[in-house]
Amino acid sequence: MSYDPVARIRRFNRAVTRETGVLDTSFLGRGRPLGLARVIHAIGRNGADLEAIRDTLGLEKALLSRYLKSLQDEGLVTLIRDTEDGRRRIAALTDTGLAELEAYNALSDTRANDLLDRHPHPETLLAAMDLVASALGRDRITFQLADPRSPDALYCLGEYYAELGRRFETGFDVTLSCDPEATDMLAPRGAFLLALSDGLPLGCVGLKGTDKGYAEIKRLWVAPSARGMKLARRLMDRIEATARTLGIAALRLDTNSALPEAVALYQSSGWTEIDRFNDDPYPDHFFEKTLTAAQR
């Protein structure tokens, strides 16, 4: 019999409160509480729009105003009006504010490394943290078109290839597959889409342009910590919408029986199974979807 789930969640909340210093009046010993430190971080090196800060931190307008006034009084922040929209205000860190940001980052990095050093299985700890962060941030996942050669894209593709290597009986060698060229997944020929949680990549999918009368969906991957939250379907919906904006009329994809969740996703989302259309050695399921004129 498992222990009371609510009691376990509350224990977790208390542990996180202690570890992150939520109740400290001097967070990381810098003389101000966590709330003010988080505003400094949200403003960042390049400054930020006040509405963006409120949205990032989930703060009420009045509370953010009090925080900003306190930081202004310390000489850490300046407020300026947007030159293109006088109603829009931008918060920027002064030189002193930038120094505080660097000090906070250094101290936070040290605390994080200390926590990992104390744990006998740091990767297990990080995986648990990823799972919790994905669950708590599921409604704040963002989607961003990216260059498939960018660091975040390469991270996702590396994780994708590694997983195929574990799940396929034959292993997986990307050099043997029909790996798309990066330029085939860049507009106006194609696209590469990332799912991000607080700036960290959680998933990806590619749209490979071809000269065969159709484009291909490639490299759909979701991090283990974000599975079960319909993120794969959201990625597919968005990449299909991107295909429509590029005037693509037909899509194809392939997958392997060792990925039953992928097969089930395509079967339940309007894709039609077809005969093999390529000589890639790995797939054994092939699908097609026609984008009607109304959809496009």
Protein backbone atom coordinates (compact mmCIF):
# COMPACT_ATOMS: atom_id res chain seq x y z
CA MET A 1 0.00 0.00 0.00
CA SER A 2 1.42 3.40 -0.99
CA TYR A 3 1.48 6.25 1.49
CA ASP A 4 -1.09 9.04 1.28
CA PRO A 5 -0.46 10.88 -2.05
CA VAL A 6 -1.47 14.27 -0.64
CA ALA A 7 0.93 13.90 2.29
CA ARG A 8 3.73 13.03 -0.15
CA ILE A 9 3.02 16.10 -2.28
CA ARG A 10 2.98 18.34 0.77
CA ARG A 11 6.30 16.86 1.95
CA PHE A 12 7.72 17.60 -1.49
CA ASN A 13 6.43 21.18 -1.38
CA ARG A 14 8.04 21.77 2.01
CA ALA A 15 11.35 20.35 0.82
CA VAL A 16 11.36 22.57 -2.26
CA THR A 17 10.42 25.61 -0.16
CA ARG A 18 13.39 25.01 2.10
CA GLU A 19 15.84 24.23 -0.69
CA THR A 20 14.92 27.22 -2.87
CA GLY A 21 14.82 29.71 -0.01
CA VAL A 22 11.28 30.87 -0.70
CA LEU A 23 10.88 32.15 2.89
CA ASP A 24 14.36 33.66 3.21
CA THR A 25 14.38 37.42 3.73
CA SER A 26 17.85 37.46 2.14
CA PHE A 27 17.79 35.01 -0.76
CA LEU A 28 21.28 33.59 -1.34
CA GLY A 29 22.59 36.18 1.09
CA ARG A 30 22.12 39.12 -1.31
CA GLY A 31 19.88 41.17 0.99
CA ARG A 32 16.51 40.79 -0.71
CA PRO A 33 13.79 38.07 -0.82
CA LEU A 34 13.31 35.55 -3.61
CA GLY A 35 10.55 37.56 -5.30
CA LEU A 36 12.85 40.49 -6.05
CA ALA A 37 15.61 38.14 -7.20
CA ARG A 38 13.19 36.47 -9.63
CA VAL A 39 12.23 39.86 -11.10
CA ILE A 40 15.92 40.65 -11.69
CA HIS A 41 16.29 37.30 -13.45
CA ALA A 42 13.14 37.85 -15.54
CA ILE A 43 14.41 41.23 -16.72
CA GLY A 44 17.68 39.62 -17.73
CA ARG A 45 20.64 41.04 -19.60
CA ASN A 46 18.57 42.39 -22.49
CA GLY A 47 15.66 43.93 -20.56
CA ALA A 48 12.02 42.88 -20.78
CA ASP A 49 8.54 44.26 -21.33
CA LEU A 50 6.56 44.61 -18.10
CA GLU A 51 3.73 42.46 -19.42
CA ALA A 52 6.20 39.74 -20.32
CA ILE A 53 7.65 39.85 -16.79
CA ARG A 54 4.18 39.58 -15.27
CA ASP A 55 3.34 36.64 -17.50
CA THR A 56 6.63 34.86 -16.82
CA LEU A 57 6.36 35.17 -13.05
CA GLY A 58 2.57 35.06 -12.71
CA LEU A 59 2.53 38.33 -10.75
CA GLU A 60 -0.30 40.77 -10.23
CA LYS A 61 0.30 44.21 -11.68
CA ALA A 62 0.36 45.93 -8.28
CA LEU A 63 2.87 43.47 -6.83
CA LEU A 64 5.19 43.81 -9.83
CA SER A 65 4.99 47.60 -9.47
CA ARG A 66 6.09 47.34 -5.83
CA TYR A 67 8.97 45.04 -6.74
CA LEU A 68 10.13 47.37 -9.52
CA LYS A 69 9.92 50.42 -7.26
CA SER A 70 12.10 48.65 -4.70
CA LEU A 71 14.66 47.70 -7.36
CA GLN A 72 14.64 51.24 -8.75
CA ASP A 73 15.29 52.63 -5.28
CA GLU A 74 18.33 50.35 -5.08
CA GLY A 75 19.58 51.63 -8.42
CA LEU A 76 19.29 48.21 -10.04
CA VAL A 77 16.53 48.87 -12.59
CA THR A 78 15.42 51.62 -14.93
CA LEU A 79 12.07 51.88 -16.74
CA ILE A 80 11.82 53.28 -20.24
CA ARG A 81 8.94 53.74 -22.67
CA ASP A 82 8.96 51.82 -25.91
CA THR A 83 9.80 54.19 -28.77
CA GLU A 84 7.24 52.49 -31.02
CA ASP A 85 4.45 52.16 -28.44
CA GLY A 86 4.34 54.80 -25.71
CA ARG A 87 1.95 52.69 -23.62
CA ARG A 88 4.49 49.89 -23.39
CA ARG A 89 7.24 50.07 -20.75
CA ILE A 90 10.51 48.20 -20.72
CA ALA A 91 12.50 47.30 -17.61
CA ALA A 92 16.29 47.25 -17.98
CA LEU A 93 19.04 46.44 -15.51
CA THR A 94 21.61 49.10 -14.71
CA ASP A 95 25.29 48.18 -14.51
CA THR A 96 24.76 47.55 -10.80
CA GLY A 97 21.70 45.43 -11.61
CA LEU A 98 23.66 43.40 -14.14
CA ALA A 99 26.31 42.74 -11.50
CA GLU A 100 23.60 41.51 -9.12
CA LEU A 101 22.22 39.22 -11.83
CA GLU A 102 25.66 37.69 -12.33
CA ALA A 103 26.10 37.26 -8.58
CA TYR A 104 22.73 35.50 -8.27
CA ASN A 105 23.52 33.22 -11.21
CA ALA A 106 26.89 32.23 -9.76
CA LEU A 107 25.41 31.49 -6.34
CA SER A 108 22.49 29.55 -7.84
CA ASP A 109 24.87 27.48 -9.96
CA THR A 110 26.94 26.66 -6.89
CA ARG A 111 23.86 25.61 -4.92
CA ALA A 112 22.67 23.42 -7.81
CA ASN A 113 26.05 21.73 -8.15
CA ASP A 114 26.19 21.14 -4.39
CA LEU A 115 22.79 19.45 -4.49
CA LEU A 116 23.89 17.15 -7.33
CA ASP A 117 27.19 16.37 -5.58
CA ARG A 118 25.32 15.30 -2.43
CA HIS A 119 23.07 12.85 -4.28
CA PRO A 120 24.32 9.31 -5.02
CA HIS A 121 22.42 9.21 -8.33
CA PRO A 122 22.39 12.73 -9.83
CA GLU A 123 20.94 11.67 -13.19
CA THR A 124 18.01 10.00 -11.43
CA LEU A 125 17.48 13.18 -9.42
CA LEU A 126 17.56 15.33 -12.56
CA ALA A 127 15.10 13.00 -14.32
CA ALA A 128 12.69 13.34 -11.38
CA MET A 129 13.07 17.13 -11.46
CA ASP A 130 12.41 17.16 -15.22
CA LEU A 131 9.24 15.12 -14.67
CA VAL A 132 7.94 17.50 -11.99
CA ALA A 133 8.85 20.62 -13.97
CA SER A 134 7.09 19.27 -17.07
CA ALA A 135 3.97 18.41 -15.07
CA LEU A 136 3.81 21.82 -13.40
CA GLY A 137 4.59 23.71 -16.61
CA ARG A 138 2.42 21.75 -19.04
CA ASP A 139 0.20 24.77 -19.74
CA ARG A 140 3.18 27.05 -20.38
CA ILE A 141 4.95 25.07 -23.10
CA THR A 142 5.85 27.26 -26.06
CA PHE A 143 6.56 26.36 -29.69
CA GLN A 144 9.28 27.89 -31.81
CA LEU A 145 10.49 27.42 -35.36
CA ALA A 146 14.23 26.78 -35.32
CA ASP A 147 17.20 25.95 -37.48
CA PRO A 148 17.69 22.15 -37.27
CA ARG A 149 21.42 22.85 -36.82
CA SER A 150 20.87 24.95 -33.67
CA PRO A 151 22.06 23.58 -30.29
CA ASP A 152 18.52 22.92 -29.00
CA ALA A 153 17.55 21.14 -32.21
CA LEU A 154 20.72 19.03 -32.19
CA TYR A 155 20.05 18.08 -28.57
CA CYS A 156 16.55 16.83 -29.45
CA LEU A 157 17.78 14.96 -32.52
CA GLY A 158 20.57 13.35 -30.50
CA GLU A 159 18.08 12.15 -27.89
CA TYR A 160 15.77 10.90 -30.65
CA TYR A 161 18.54 8.87 -32.32
CA ALA A 162 19.66 7.44 -28.98
CA GLU A 163 16.13 6.31 -28.17
CA LEU A 164 15.73 4.61 -31.54
CA GLY A 165 19.02 2.84 -30.88
CA ARG A 166 17.62 1.48 -27.62
CA ARG A 167 14.21 0.49 -28.95
CA PHE A 168 15.01 -1.02 -32.35
CA GLU A 169 16.19 -4.64 -32.27
CA THR A 170 18.80 -3.78 -34.90
CA GLY A 171 19.87 -0.57 -33.18
CA PHE A 172 19.83 2.66 -35.17
CA ASP A 173 22.47 4.22 -37.40
CA VAL A 174 21.39 7.61 -38.70
CA THR A 175 23.76 7.31 -41.67
CA LEU A 176 21.68 4.38 -42.95
CA SER A 177 18.35 6.19 -42.69
CA CYS A 178 16.85 8.78 -45.03
CA ASP A 179 18.14 11.62 -42.86
CA PRO A 180 16.94 14.95 -44.27
CA GLU A 181 19.35 17.73 -45.12
CA ALA A 182 19.04 20.72 -42.80
CA THR A 183 18.05 22.96 -45.73
CA ASP A 184 15.09 20.64 -46.45
CA MET A 185 13.72 21.61 -43.02
CA LEU A 186 14.04 25.37 -43.43
CA ALA A 187 11.51 27.77 -44.97
CA PRO A 188 10.34 28.09 -47.64
CA ARG A 189 11.05 24.41 -48.34
CA GLY A 190 10.25 23.00 -44.90
CA ALA A 191 10.42 23.73 -41.18
CA PHE A 192 11.73 22.47 -37.86
CA LEU A 193 9.65 23.00 -34.73
CA LEU A 194 10.75 22.88 -31.09
CA ALA A 195 8.60 22.58 -27.96
CA LEU A 196 10.16 24.54 -25.08
CA SER A 197 9.55 24.68 -21.34
CA ASP A 198 11.10 27.71 -19.65
CA GLY A 199 13.67 27.84 -22.45
CA LEU A 200 14.62 24.15 -22.32
CA PRO A 201 13.70 21.80 -25.22
CA LEU A 202 11.05 19.16 -24.56
CA GLY A 203 10.35 17.94 -28.09
CA CYS A 204 10.73 18.47 -31.80
CA VAL A 205 9.35 17.62 -35.22
CA GLY A 206 10.59 18.33 -38.73
CA LEU A 207 8.87 19.10 -42.02
CA LYS A 208 11.06 17.93 -44.90
CA GLY A 209 10.42 19.55 -48.25
CA THR A 210 10.81 17.31 -51.30
CA ASP A 211 10.42 17.54 -55.09
CA LYS A 212 8.08 14.54 -55.20
CA GLY A 213 4.72 16.30 -54.86
CA TYR A 214 4.57 15.87 -51.09
CA ALA A 215 6.52 16.83 -47.96
CA GLU A 216 7.50 14.46 -45.15
CA ILE A 217 7.08 14.65 -41.39
CA LYS A 218 10.35 13.62 -39.76
CA ARG A 219 11.98 13.28 -36.34
CA LEU A 220 8.97 13.57 -34.04
CA TRP A 221 10.32 13.26 -30.49
CA VAL A 222 9.08 14.13 -26.99
CA ALA A 223 11.22 14.00 -23.86
CA PRO A 224 10.29 11.17 -21.48
CA SER A 225 9.43 13.72 -18.79
CA ALA A 226 6.71 15.24 -21.00
CA ARG A 227 5.05 12.11 -22.32
CA GLY A 228 1.39 11.46 -21.66
CA MET A 229 0.55 15.19 -21.94
CA LYS A 230 -0.48 15.11 -25.64
CA LEU A 231 2.62 17.08 -26.60
CA ALA A 232 3.28 14.89 -29.64
CA ARG A 233 -0.19 15.63 -30.98
CA ARG A 234 0.32 19.35 -30.39
CA LEU A 235 3.60 19.23 -32.27
CA MET A 236 1.93 17.39 -35.14
CA ASP A 237 -0.98 19.85 -35.27
CA ARG A 238 1.43 22.78 -35.43
CA ILE A 239 3.74 21.30 -38.04
CA GLU A 240 0.73 20.43 -40.20
CA ALA A 241 -0.45 24.05 -39.85
CA THR A 242 3.02 25.20 -40.88
CA ALA A 243 2.82 22.96 -43.95
CA ARG A 244 -0.44 24.67 -44.92
CA THR A 245 1.16 28.11 -44.68
CA LEU A 246 3.91 26.90 -47.03
CA GLY A 247 1.31 25.76 -49.56
CA ILE A 248 2.05 22.06 -49.14
CA ALA A 249 -0.84 19.87 -50.34
CA ALA A 250 0.22 16.39 -49.22
CA LEU A 251 2.24 14.94 -46.35
CA ARG A 252 3.82 11.55 -45.81
CA LEU A 253 5.68 9.91 -42.93
CA ASP A 254 7.09 6.58 -41.88
CA THR A 255 7.61 4.86 -38.54
CA ASN A 256 8.49 1.53 -36.96
CA SER A 257 6.40 -1.05 -35.09
CA ALA A 258 8.80 -0.67 -32.15
CA LEU A 259 7.16 2.74 -31.62
CA PRO A 260 3.51 1.69 -31.07
CA GLU A 261 2.59 5.05 -29.53
CA ALA A 262 3.62 6.78 -32.78
CA VAL A 263 1.63 4.33 -34.90
CA ALA A 264 -1.43 4.89 -32.68
CA LEU A 265 -1.04 8.67 -32.89
CA TYR A 266 -1.05 8.68 -36.68
CA GLN A 267 -3.92 6.21 -36.91
CA SER A 268 -6.05 8.39 -34.63
CA SER A 269 -5.29 11.76 -36.21
CA GLY A 270 -6.43 11.48 -39.81
CA TRP A 271 -3.47 9.74 -41.41
CA THR A 272 -4.03 6.92 -43.92
CA GLU A 273 -1.70 3.92 -44.02
CA ILE A 274 -0.17 3.40 -47.46
CA ASP A 275 2.38 1.18 -49.20
CA ARG A 276 6.10 1.71 -48.68
CA PHE A 277 7.31 4.84 -50.49
CA ASN A 278 11.04 4.81 -49.68
CA ASP A 279 13.97 2.44 -49.24
CA ASP A 280 14.84 3.43 -45.67
CA PRO A 281 15.78 0.19 -43.85
CA TYR A 282 14.11 1.07 -40.54
CA PRO A 283 10.39 1.87 -41.05
CA ASP A 284 7.65 -0.72 -41.55
CA HIS A 285 4.60 1.59 -41.38
CA PHE A 286 3.91 4.33 -43.94
CA PHE A 287 1.24 7.04 -43.78
CA GLU A 288 -0.16 9.86 -45.89
CA LYS A 289 -2.41 12.85 -45.28
CA THR A 290 -3.90 15.19 -47.87
CA LEU A 291 -4.35 18.82 -46.89
CA THR A 292 -7.50 20.05 -48.61
CA ALA A 293 -7.77 23.46 -50.22
CA ALA A 294 -9.96 24.63 -47.33
CA GLN A 295 -7.32 23.52 -44.85
CA ARG A 296 -4.59 25.24 -46.78
